[in-house]
Structures are given as structure tokens and as C-alpha cells.
Amino acid sequence: MDNISALKINDKGYPQSLKKISNPPKNIYYRGILDFGEKPFIAVVGTRKCSDYGKQAVIDFVNKLGGAGFVIVSGLAKGIDGLAHKTALQSGAKTIAVLGSGVDEKSIYPRENANLAKKIIEAGGAILSEYPSGTPAMQHHFPQRNRIIAGLSDAILVIEAKKKSGSLITASFGFSQKKPVFSVPGSIYSLNSEGCHLLIKDGAKIAQGGGEILEYFKIAPSKKGDLTAKTEEGAIIIKALRSGALHIDKIIQKTQLSPSKTITALSDLELEGNVKNLGGNVFSLNLK
């Protein structure tokens, strides 16, 4: 059994924030828990084909915001969305995935994130949709889905977006709903940052760190200590990764450590919880 709950717009428990948007969904279907008390919600969205810079930004922002009590809202898509959910789970934050399909097990899209959806539910979060069970993902569902992501949230954060990214649609809904929209700047040579720069031109607030968002909401950051390595090699690698995620070859080049010492130190740093392997031997700091 999928244990799917349904709420009509006038039912008790229907999110009040959704009632306030234009064209609110008349019905929502969800699995998991929707009641998080007075916690603030923030949408974290971005491109499906994210760079190492984007991955590092997701980890830094979500750890900071989730640690301060924000519920992370996103779309379960590949790339930035999926990593936002995963980082929230790893940091102990609650997260909600809004789908462009039904929330029953067979309809979850993308299929490769079905297990992630299960983990979100098990961790006390929720997956949600306006589409009933058995509804497949359709291209026109996703722009509609994005109004719900924005509607649930108190703010929208865009991390890496191309000119025609669906994340810009979410941001547009945020603007129209009078929500603060934050955009992470990037290189002027990066196609993944063109959409973010357009948003900034259109009035989005520049976000260079989670602390700026917490300051906007007058929320104190979580008090957690700095990363501390147990070995000299570990400390050298942590210093190298302060500037962003790096492939192991770049770490070796930047630190001048031998390959064997680098591998050993990275393994120790992972066990200590100081470093994460983002996949493909690309490593980043685990800033909680």
C-alpha cells in the first residue's frame, strides 16, 4: 500500500500558503507528513545538469538553511533538485518533493529517484502532487508543478539555471506571489549561470551564502564547529577544498601530496564526516 492521503482546498490541513496563490490546486495528494509547525520553507531549485560548483553550492546552502530549521522544498528532479533533497536528509533537515506525476510508487518520476522519495517519506518529510494516483509525468505538468513549489515556500533559491530553465518558471511564480527570490551568481562564461544572472537583473537578491538568507529572515545560524582534521594531510586537503569541490587529480595537483597519501587522507576525512564524494571522484567539504 502507498498510504496516500488527499486534501481538498477547504479541508483542515491543506497548506495555508497554497490557498493564497492564484489558481491553487483544488486537491493535493501526498505521502508522508505535511505539518511542520512554524518552520520556514525554502524552495531550492536549479538545473538538471549541474556543475561541481552547483553541487558545492547546494551542499553549503542546504546544510546552512536546514541546520537553522528551514524545510527544503524541491522537485525531485535530477541534478540540483535531487541533491537538495539528499543533502537535507543527510543534514537532518525535513524536505518536501513536489512531483509532476502521481505520488504512488509506480508513477514517481524520475524513476531513478524513487528510492530518494522513499527516504524522504521515511525521514518524516513528504512527496506531494496535485495529480491523482496513476498519473504519469507529462511535459506540461512541470510548469504547473513549479507554482506549487513556489506556493509552499517562504522564499525561492535558484542555484544554477540556464536561460530557459524550468527553475526560472519557479522564480517567476515566486515574484508573482510576492516571495523573496534569491539567485546564486556564477561565472560569466557558464551557461548554467545565465539564468541566475537574468534573475538578478530582474530583481532577485544575490545569494553568496546561506547566512545572507538567514539574515534576511532574522534567523540565527546553527552553532556548529569548524571542520577539524586529525592529520596534517587532512588539514591540507580541507584548506584546498575551501574554494570549492575538486576532482581527486586536482586535489593532488593543488596540495602536492602523493596519490597514496591523498587517497588515505580523503578516506579518513570521509569517515570523520568532513568531506563528501559527490561522485566521479569529485570531493567537497561537508559543511553542516
Protein backbone atom coordinates (compact mmCIF):
# COMPACT_ATOMS: atom_id res chain seq x y z
CA MET A 1 0.00 0.00 0.00
CA ASP A 2 1.25 3.51 -0.83
CA ASN A 3 -0.59 5.17 2.10
CA ILE A 4 -1.65 8.17 0.03
CA SER A 5 -3.53 10.99 1.75
CA ALA A 6 -5.73 13.50 -0.05
CA LEU A 7 -6.77 17.02 0.90
CA LYS A 8 -9.34 19.29 -0.72
CA ILE A 9 -8.71 23.01 -0.68
CA ASN A 10 -11.20 23.61 2.14
CA ASP A 11 -10.04 20.68 4.27
CA LYS A 12 -8.27 21.22 7.55
CA GLY A 13 -4.59 20.51 6.97
CA TYR A 14 -4.49 21.93 3.46
CA PRO A 15 -1.40 24.20 3.41
CA GLN A 16 -2.50 27.78 4.04
CA SER A 17 0.32 29.13 1.88
CA LEU A 18 -1.11 27.31 -1.17
CA LYS A 19 -4.55 28.82 -0.66
CA LYS A 20 -3.07 32.28 -1.16
CA ILE A 21 -1.71 31.74 -4.68
CA SER A 22 -3.61 32.30 -7.91
CA ASN A 23 -5.00 29.05 -9.28
CA PRO A 24 -4.32 26.94 -6.17
CA PRO A 25 -4.69 23.17 -6.64
CA LYS A 26 -8.21 22.09 -5.70
CA ASN A 27 -6.86 18.78 -4.45
CA ILE A 28 -3.45 17.63 -3.30
CA TYR A 29 -2.25 14.08 -2.80
CA TYR A 30 0.68 13.25 -0.59
CA ARG A 31 2.62 10.55 1.21
CA GLY A 32 4.37 11.35 4.47
CA ILE A 33 3.93 14.32 6.81
CA LEU A 34 2.96 17.86 5.82
CA ASP A 35 2.64 19.50 9.24
CA PHE A 36 5.97 21.01 10.31
CA GLY A 37 4.64 23.56 12.76
CA GLU A 38 6.02 27.06 12.30
CA LYS A 39 9.18 26.07 10.40
CA PRO A 40 10.01 28.29 7.42
CA PHE A 41 10.04 26.69 3.95
CA ILE A 42 12.51 27.46 1.15
CA ALA A 43 12.47 26.18 -2.41
CA VAL A 44 15.91 25.10 -3.65
CA VAL A 45 15.87 24.55 -7.41
CA GLY A 46 18.21 24.50 -10.38
CA THR A 47 19.43 22.78 -13.50
CA ARG A 48 19.39 19.02 -14.03
CA LYS A 49 22.91 19.12 -15.48
CA CYS A 50 24.70 20.87 -12.64
CA SER A 51 28.41 21.54 -12.37
CA ASP A 52 30.72 20.78 -9.46
CA TYR A 53 30.27 24.44 -8.47
CA GLY A 54 26.50 23.93 -8.36
CA LYS A 55 26.84 20.76 -6.30
CA GLN A 56 29.08 22.52 -3.78
CA ALA A 57 26.63 25.42 -3.57
CA VAL A 58 23.69 23.09 -2.88
CA ILE A 59 25.59 21.35 -0.09
CA ASP A 60 26.68 24.63 1.51
CA PHE A 61 23.30 26.37 1.28
CA VAL A 62 21.13 23.40 2.31
CA ASN A 63 23.34 22.49 5.25
CA LYS A 64 23.24 26.09 6.46
CA LEU A 65 19.50 26.59 5.91
CA GLY A 66 18.42 23.13 7.01
CA GLY A 67 20.57 23.40 10.12
CA ALA A 68 18.76 26.63 11.01
CA GLY A 69 15.35 24.96 10.74
CA PHE A 70 14.24 25.53 7.15
CA VAL A 71 12.18 22.84 5.40
CA ILE A 72 13.72 22.27 1.96
CA VAL A 73 11.21 22.16 -0.92
CA SER A 74 12.18 20.96 -4.39
CA GLY A 75 11.02 18.89 -7.36
CA LEU A 76 12.82 15.51 -7.03
CA ALA A 77 14.40 16.08 -10.47
CA LYS A 78 17.92 15.06 -11.40
CA GLY A 79 20.71 17.50 -10.58
CA ILE A 80 20.19 20.40 -8.19
CA ASP A 81 16.71 19.31 -7.02
CA GLY A 82 17.67 15.75 -6.13
CA LEU A 83 20.88 16.86 -4.42
CA ALA A 84 18.93 19.42 -2.37
CA HIS A 85 16.70 16.62 -1.05
CA LYS A 86 19.66 14.31 -0.40
CA THR A 87 21.64 16.99 1.42
CA ALA A 88 18.61 17.86 3.55
CA LEU A 89 18.25 14.21 4.56
CA GLN A 90 21.96 13.90 5.35
CA SER A 91 21.90 17.03 7.49
CA GLY A 92 18.76 16.01 9.38
CA ALA A 93 16.52 18.67 7.81
CA LYS A 94 12.96 17.99 6.66
CA THR A 95 12.24 18.09 2.95
CA ILE A 96 9.23 18.02 0.60
CA ALA A 97 9.30 16.88 -3.02
CA VAL A 98 6.60 18.23 -5.35
CA LEU A 99 6.02 15.94 -8.33
CA GLY A 100 4.70 16.36 -11.84
CA SER A 101 3.14 12.90 -11.62
CA GLY A 102 1.10 10.86 -9.18
CA VAL A 103 2.75 10.09 -5.84
CA ASP A 104 2.01 6.36 -6.00
CA GLU A 105 5.08 4.14 -6.26
CA LYS A 106 4.58 3.28 -9.93
CA SER A 107 4.11 6.89 -11.07
CA ILE A 108 7.06 8.58 -9.34
CA TYR A 109 9.26 10.45 -11.81
CA PRO A 110 12.16 10.32 -12.43
CA ARG A 111 12.33 6.60 -11.71
CA GLU A 112 15.96 6.76 -10.57
CA ASN A 113 14.84 8.98 -7.67
CA ALA A 114 12.08 6.63 -6.49
CA ASN A 115 14.30 5.40 -3.67
CA LEU A 116 15.07 9.01 -2.71
CA ALA A 117 11.31 9.66 -2.50
CA LYS A 118 11.01 6.68 -0.16
CA LYS A 119 13.80 8.03 2.07
CA ILE A 120 12.14 11.46 2.20
CA ILE A 121 8.94 9.87 3.49
CA GLU A 122 10.78 7.64 5.98
CA ALA A 123 12.64 10.67 7.36
CA GLY A 124 9.41 12.49 8.20
CA GLY A 125 9.09 14.59 5.05
CA ALA A 126 6.61 14.24 2.20
CA ILE A 127 6.13 13.82 -1.53
CA LEU A 128 3.20 15.82 -2.89
CA SER A 129 1.28 16.36 -6.12
CA GLU A 130 -1.96 17.78 -7.47
CA TYR A 131 -2.22 14.73 -9.73
CA PRO A 132 -4.03 11.57 -8.57
CA SER A 133 -2.51 8.10 -8.41
CA GLY A 134 -1.65 6.59 -11.75
CA THR A 135 -0.95 9.94 -13.44
CA PRO A 136 2.26 9.71 -15.48
CA ALA A 137 4.70 12.59 -15.74
CA MET A 138 3.84 14.83 -18.71
CA GLN A 139 5.88 17.76 -20.00
CA HIS A 140 3.11 20.31 -19.35
CA HIS A 141 2.78 19.14 -15.73
CA PHE A 142 6.13 20.58 -14.66
CA PRO A 143 5.44 24.31 -15.13
CA GLN A 144 2.21 23.74 -13.19
CA ARG A 145 4.14 21.82 -10.54
CA ASN A 146 6.51 24.76 -10.15
CA ARG A 147 3.74 27.10 -8.97
CA ILE A 148 3.17 24.68 -6.06
CA ILE A 149 6.88 24.58 -5.19
CA ALA A 150 6.87 28.38 -5.03
CA GLY A 151 3.49 28.48 -3.29
CA LEU A 152 4.56 26.21 -0.45
CA SER A 153 7.73 28.20 0.16
CA ASP A 154 8.53 31.40 2.02
CA ALA A 155 11.40 32.05 -0.39
CA ILE A 156 12.90 30.65 -3.59
CA LEU A 157 16.62 29.95 -4.06
CA VAL A 158 17.90 29.26 -7.59
CA ILE A 159 21.27 27.52 -7.87
CA GLU A 160 22.49 27.26 -11.47
CA ALA A 161 19.92 27.77 -14.23
CA LYS A 162 20.21 28.19 -17.97
CA LYS A 163 18.26 30.84 -19.89
CA LYS A 164 15.30 28.54 -20.49
CA SER A 165 15.48 26.55 -17.25
CA GLY A 166 12.26 25.47 -15.54
CA SER A 167 13.77 26.98 -12.40
CA LEU A 168 13.13 30.41 -13.89
CA ILE A 169 9.44 29.50 -14.05
CA THR A 170 9.54 28.68 -10.33
CA ALA A 171 11.27 32.00 -9.68
CA SER A 172 8.66 33.80 -11.81
CA PHE A 173 5.90 32.29 -9.67
CA GLY A 174 7.86 33.44 -6.62
CA PHE A 175 7.97 37.01 -7.93
CA SER A 176 4.24 36.97 -8.73
CA GLN A 177 3.46 35.57 -5.28
CA LYS A 178 5.49 38.38 -3.66
CA LYS A 179 8.05 35.93 -2.26
CA PRO A 180 11.75 36.82 -1.93
CA VAL A 181 13.74 35.21 -4.74
CA PHE A 182 17.45 34.53 -4.19
CA SER A 183 19.86 33.71 -7.01
CA VAL A 184 23.39 32.31 -6.79
CA PRO A 185 25.79 34.11 -9.14
CA GLY A 186 28.35 32.22 -11.18
CA SER A 187 30.93 32.65 -13.87
CA ILE A 188 30.05 34.95 -16.78
CA TYR A 189 31.32 32.14 -19.03
CA SER A 190 29.00 29.48 -17.59
CA LEU A 191 25.77 28.66 -19.43
CA ASN A 192 24.49 27.25 -16.13
CA SER A 193 24.65 30.72 -14.58
CA GLU A 194 22.99 32.72 -17.36
CA GLY A 195 19.53 32.20 -15.90
CA CYS A 196 20.70 33.15 -12.40
CA HIS A 197 22.20 36.38 -13.73
CA LEU A 198 18.97 37.20 -15.57
CA LEU A 199 17.06 36.74 -12.33
CA ILE A 200 19.41 39.13 -10.55
CA LYS A 201 18.81 41.70 -13.31
CA ASP A 202 15.06 41.20 -12.80
CA GLY A 203 15.27 41.91 -9.08
CA ALA A 204 16.32 38.65 -7.40
CA LYS A 205 18.57 39.04 -4.40
CA ILE A 206 22.17 37.89 -4.84
CA ALA A 207 22.89 34.92 -2.58
CA GLN A 208 26.55 34.23 -1.91
CA GLY A 209 25.91 32.11 1.18
CA GLY A 210 23.15 30.73 3.35
CA GLY A 211 23.94 33.28 6.02
CA GLU A 212 22.53 36.07 3.84
CA ILE A 213 19.18 34.28 3.62
CA LEU A 214 19.13 33.64 7.37
CA GLU A 215 19.91 37.32 7.94
CA TYR A 216 17.00 38.31 5.66
CA PHE A 217 14.62 36.18 7.75
CA LYS A 218 16.30 37.23 11.01
CA ILE A 219 17.05 33.60 11.86
CA ALA A 220 20.19 32.70 13.81
CA PRO A 221 22.50 30.14 12.19
CA SER A 222 23.07 26.75 13.79
CA LYS A 223 26.14 26.79 16.01
CA LYS A 224 28.45 24.05 14.80
CA GLY A 225 32.21 23.88 14.96
CA ASP A 226 34.66 24.29 12.11
CA LEU A 227 35.98 21.27 10.27
CA THR A 228 38.99 19.78 12.04
CA ALA A 229 41.20 17.10 10.50
CA LYS A 230 43.10 14.56 12.58
CA THR A 231 46.14 14.56 10.30
CA GLU A 232 48.33 17.17 8.62
CA GLU A 233 47.40 15.79 5.18
CA GLY A 234 43.71 16.07 6.04
CA ALA A 235 44.14 19.71 7.09
CA ILE A 236 45.91 20.47 3.80
CA ILE A 237 43.06 18.92 1.79
CA ILE A 238 40.39 20.79 3.78
CA LYS A 239 42.22 24.05 3.00
CA ALA A 240 42.33 23.13 -0.70
CA LEU A 241 38.60 22.38 -0.78
CA ARG A 242 37.64 25.71 0.83
CA SER A 243 37.48 27.21 -2.67
CA GLY A 244 35.04 24.56 -3.91
CA ALA A 245 34.66 20.94 -4.97
CA LEU A 246 37.62 19.35 -6.76
CA HIS A 247 38.38 16.15 -8.65
CA ILE A 248 40.97 13.98 -6.89
CA ASP A 249 43.52 14.75 -9.62
CA LYS A 250 43.09 18.48 -8.93
CA ILE A 251 43.42 17.86 -5.19
CA ILE A 252 46.73 16.08 -5.76
CA GLN A 253 47.90 18.89 -8.02
CA LYS A 254 46.83 21.64 -5.63
CA THR A 255 48.13 20.06 -2.41
CA GLN A 256 51.29 18.47 -3.84
CA LEU A 257 50.51 15.38 -1.77
CA SER A 258 51.31 11.97 -3.24
CA PRO A 259 48.39 9.99 -4.72
CA SER A 260 48.61 7.38 -1.94
CA LYS A 261 48.60 10.00 0.84
CA THR A 262 45.74 11.85 -0.84
CA ILE A 263 43.60 8.71 -1.11
CA THR A 264 44.29 7.78 2.52
CA ALA A 265 43.57 11.30 3.78
CA LEU A 266 40.35 11.58 1.78
CA SER A 267 39.18 8.23 3.14
CA ASP A 268 39.86 9.41 6.69
CA LEU A 269 38.11 12.74 6.06
CA GLU A 270 35.03 10.91 4.74
CA LEU A 271 34.91 8.70 7.84
CA GLU A 272 35.25 11.80 10.02
CA GLY A 273 32.33 13.39 8.18
CA ASN A 274 34.42 16.30 6.94
CA VAL A 275 34.34 15.51 3.22
CA LYS A 276 31.81 14.10 0.74
CA ASN A 277 32.40 12.26 -2.52
CA LEU A 278 29.99 13.89 -4.97
CA GLY A 279 30.56 11.07 -7.46
CA GLY A 280 33.20 10.57 -10.11
CA ASN A 281 35.97 11.16 -7.52
CA VAL A 282 34.89 14.79 -7.06
CA PHE A 283 35.12 15.80 -3.40
CA SER A 284 33.65 18.68 -1.41
CA LEU A 285 33.64 19.83 2.17
CA ASN A 286 30.73 18.59 4.25
CA LEU A 287 29.74 21.92 5.80
CA LYS A 288 26.92 21.25 8.26
